[in-house]
C-alpha cells in the first residue's frame, strides 16, 4: 500500500505557484499486511518569510519499531518531484521503559525552523514524562523544547505544537 502526497500553492494575487499539484514523493509506503500511514503531517518550510525547502513528516506505525520519516524538497516553480524520505527517529520498545514519538508540526521563524515531535517517555512502571522535542535547522538530533509534564498513565502528551518569529528568535507553543 502506498500513498502519494501533492502540494499546491498560490501567490498573493491568486495565481497558482505550480501549474498542477506538485507530487512531493513517488510514494510513502508502510510495511505489513495491514499497512497504515499514521499521523501524516505536511508541513512547512524552513523560513517564515521565504522558504527554500518544504518538509513532509509522517509516522509508519506498522514498522517494528514504529518510525517517523521526513522528506525535504526544494521549493521552486521548476521543482517537479519531491525528495526521498529518510528516518528521523524510531520508537524504542527494547528497554524496560518505552519511548514513543509522534510528529506534531513543521514550524519556522525567520532564523530557525524545526520539526516538532511529542516524546512520551516511560520513566517508571506507572509514570510517564511527556516532552516536546525539536529537530532544528535540518538536524536529526533532537533538542528539548523545555515544554514537558509528568503523568501517571499512558494517556497524554502534546497534540499540537507551533511557533512564529520574533525579531530576536521565535515563540514556541504547545497544546
Protein backbone atom coordinates (compact mmCIF):
# COMPACT_ATOMS: atom_id res chain seq x y z
CA UNK A 1 0.00 0.00 0.00
CA UNK A 2 1.36 3.42 -0.87
CA UNK A 3 0.17 6.99 -0.53
CA UNK A 4 1.04 9.97 -2.67
CA UNK A 5 1.31 13.49 -1.31
CA UNK A 6 0.67 16.51 -3.52
CA UNK A 7 1.27 20.17 -2.79
CA UNK A 8 -0.39 23.19 -4.32
CA UNK A 9 0.30 26.82 -3.69
CA UNK A 10 -0.79 30.30 -4.74
CA UNK A 11 0.75 33.72 -4.94
CA UNK A 12 -0.93 36.59 -3.07
CA UNK A 13 -2.75 37.57 -6.28
CA UNK A 14 -4.31 34.08 -6.53
CA UNK A 15 -2.13 32.76 -9.37
CA UNK A 16 -1.07 29.13 -8.92
CA UNK A 17 2.57 28.65 -7.84
CA UNK A 18 2.75 25.34 -9.76
CA UNK A 19 0.69 24.75 -12.89
CA UNK A 20 -0.51 21.44 -11.41
CA UNK A 21 -0.14 19.98 -7.90
CA UNK A 22 3.45 19.04 -7.10
CA UNK A 23 3.97 15.38 -6.10
CA UNK A 24 6.23 15.60 -3.07
CA UNK A 25 7.27 11.98 -3.31
CA UNK A 26 6.76 8.96 -5.50
CA UNK A 27 5.11 7.25 -2.55
CA UNK A 28 5.09 6.80 1.20
CA UNK A 29 4.99 3.09 1.86
CA UNK A 30 4.13 1.36 5.11
CA UNK A 31 5.15 -2.24 5.66
CA UNK A 32 2.96 -5.12 6.82
CA UNK A 33 -0.24 -6.75 5.64
CA UNK A 34 -2.47 -4.04 7.10
CA UNK A 35 -0.19 -1.20 6.07
CA UNK A 36 -1.15 2.12 7.57
CA UNK A 37 0.48 5.53 7.40
CA UNK A 38 -0.22 7.26 10.67
CA UNK A 39 -0.10 10.92 11.54
CA UNK A 40 0.71 12.44 8.18
CA UNK A 41 1.93 16.00 8.67
CA UNK A 42 2.55 18.18 5.68
CA UNK A 43 4.04 20.70 6.93
CA UNK A 44 6.02 23.62 6.23
CA UNK A 45 9.03 25.43 5.06
CA UNK A 46 12.38 26.35 6.53
CA UNK A 47 11.78 30.10 6.78
CA UNK A 48 8.75 32.08 7.89
CA UNK A 49 9.11 34.67 5.11
CA UNK A 50 10.96 32.98 2.24
CA UNK A 51 11.31 29.19 2.41
CA UNK A 52 13.86 27.37 0.29
CA UNK A 53 12.52 23.92 1.16
CA UNK A 54 9.29 22.15 2.06
CA UNK A 55 9.13 19.32 4.61
CA UNK A 56 6.72 16.40 4.88
CA UNK A 57 6.71 14.22 8.01
CA UNK A 58 4.77 11.03 8.76
CA UNK A 59 4.87 8.05 11.10
CA UNK A 60 4.68 4.44 9.91
CA UNK A 61 3.02 2.65 12.83
CA UNK A 62 3.28 -0.76 11.14
CA UNK A 63 7.08 -0.77 11.20
CA UNK A 64 8.75 -2.61 14.05
CA UNK A 65 9.54 -0.41 15.85
CA UNK A 66 7.36 2.42 14.50
CA UNK A 67 9.35 5.05 12.59
CA UNK A 68 8.94 8.76 11.82
CA UNK A 69 10.12 9.72 8.32
CA UNK A 70 10.76 13.13 6.80
CA UNK A 71 11.28 14.45 3.29
CA UNK A 72 12.92 17.68 2.15
CA UNK A 73 12.03 19.18 -1.24
CA UNK A 74 13.31 22.36 -2.85
CA UNK A 75 10.57 24.98 -3.07
CA UNK A 76 10.86 26.29 -6.59
CA UNK A 77 8.49 26.68 -9.53
CA UNK A 78 10.71 24.32 -11.55
CA UNK A 79 10.51 21.53 -8.92
CA UNK A 80 8.71 18.56 -10.42
CA UNK A 81 9.00 15.86 -7.74
CA UNK A 82 9.55 15.52 -4.04
CA UNK A 83 12.59 14.43 -2.11
CA UNK A 84 13.15 10.94 -0.78
CA UNK A 85 12.08 10.06 2.75
CA UNK A 86 14.67 9.44 5.48
CA UNK A 87 14.35 8.19 9.06
CA UNK A 88 14.03 10.98 11.62
CA UNK A 89 13.51 8.90 14.78
CA UNK A 90 12.20 5.47 15.81
CA UNK A 91 10.24 4.40 18.88
CA UNK A 92 12.32 2.48 21.43
CA UNK A 93 10.48 -0.57 22.67
CA UNK A 94 13.57 -2.62 23.51
CA UNK A 95 14.14 -1.28 27.02
CA UNK A 96 12.06 -1.61 30.16
CA UNK A 97 10.96 2.00 29.73
CA UNK A 98 9.11 2.54 26.46
CA UNK A 99 9.84 5.67 24.41
CA UNK A 100 7.30 6.76 21.80
CA UNK A 101 7.42 9.66 19.31
CA UNK A 102 4.59 11.43 17.45
CA UNK A 103 5.07 14.07 14.73
CA UNK A 104 3.38 17.37 15.59
CA UNK A 105 4.33 20.12 13.13
CA UNK A 106 6.94 21.66 10.91
CA UNK A 107 7.34 25.26 12.03
CA UNK A 108 9.53 28.18 11.01
CA UNK A 109 10.67 31.58 12.17
CA UNK A 110 12.94 33.92 10.25
CA UNK A 111 16.13 32.36 11.65
CA UNK A 112 15.18 28.89 12.88
CA UNK A 113 12.93 26.08 11.70
CA UNK A 114 12.13 22.72 13.21
CA UNK A 115 10.18 19.53 13.19
CA UNK A 116 8.30 19.32 16.50
CA UNK A 117 7.83 15.80 17.88
CA UNK A 118 5.94 14.72 21.00
CA UNK A 119 8.07 12.37 23.11
CA UNK A 120 6.38 10.05 25.61
CA UNK A 121 8.98 8.52 27.90
CA UNK A 122 8.04 5.87 30.46
CA UNK A 123 10.28 6.73 33.40
CA UNK A 124 8.97 4.05 35.80
CA UNK A 125 6.29 1.36 35.84
CA UNK A 126 3.40 3.83 36.11
CA UNK A 127 4.99 7.20 35.39
CA UNK A 128 5.39 8.90 32.04
CA UNK A 129 7.21 12.07 31.09
CA UNK A 130 5.69 13.94 28.15
CA UNK A 131 8.08 16.25 26.33
CA UNK A 132 8.24 18.08 23.04
CA UNK A 133 11.45 17.73 21.10
CA UNK A 134 12.51 19.86 18.15
CA UNK A 135 14.75 18.77 15.32
CA UNK A 136 16.15 22.21 14.49
CA UNK A 137 17.53 23.54 11.19
CA UNK A 138 17.75 20.22 9.38
CA UNK A 139 19.42 18.17 12.12
CA UNK A 140 18.37 14.66 13.10
CA UNK A 141 19.44 15.23 16.71
CA UNK A 142 16.56 16.33 18.95
CA UNK A 143 16.64 19.41 21.17
CA UNK A 144 14.39 19.60 24.23
CA UNK A 145 11.88 22.45 23.82
CA UNK A 146 11.64 22.90 27.58
CA UNK A 147 7.91 22.08 27.48
CA UNK A 148 7.04 18.92 29.43
CA UNK A 149 4.97 17.42 32.23
CA UNK A 150 4.77 14.13 34.12
CA UNK A 151 1.68 11.89 34.28
CA UNK A 152 0.64 8.60 35.80
CA UNK A 153 -0.95 7.00 32.74
CA UNK A 154 -0.19 6.36 29.10
CA UNK A 155 -2.84 8.94 28.12
CA UNK A 156 -1.36 12.33 27.50
CA UNK A 157 1.24 14.18 25.58
CA UNK A 158 1.07 17.05 23.16
CA UNK A 159 -1.34 17.03 20.25
CA UNK A 160 -0.22 20.31 18.67
CA UNK A 161 2.86 22.49 18.51
CA UNK A 162 3.59 25.69 16.66
CA UNK A 163 5.96 28.61 16.51
CA UNK A 164 6.31 32.01 14.91
CA UNK A 165 9.06 34.52 14.53
CA UNK A 166 10.08 37.31 16.82
CA UNK A 167 12.70 39.92 15.99
CA UNK A 168 15.09 38.05 18.30
CA UNK A 169 14.18 34.43 17.52
CA UNK A 170 10.90 32.54 17.87
CA UNK A 171 7.99 31.78 20.19
CA UNK A 172 7.09 28.11 20.66
CA UNK A 173 3.71 26.90 21.94
CA UNK A 174 2.07 23.55 22.53
CA UNK A 175 -1.26 22.02 23.47
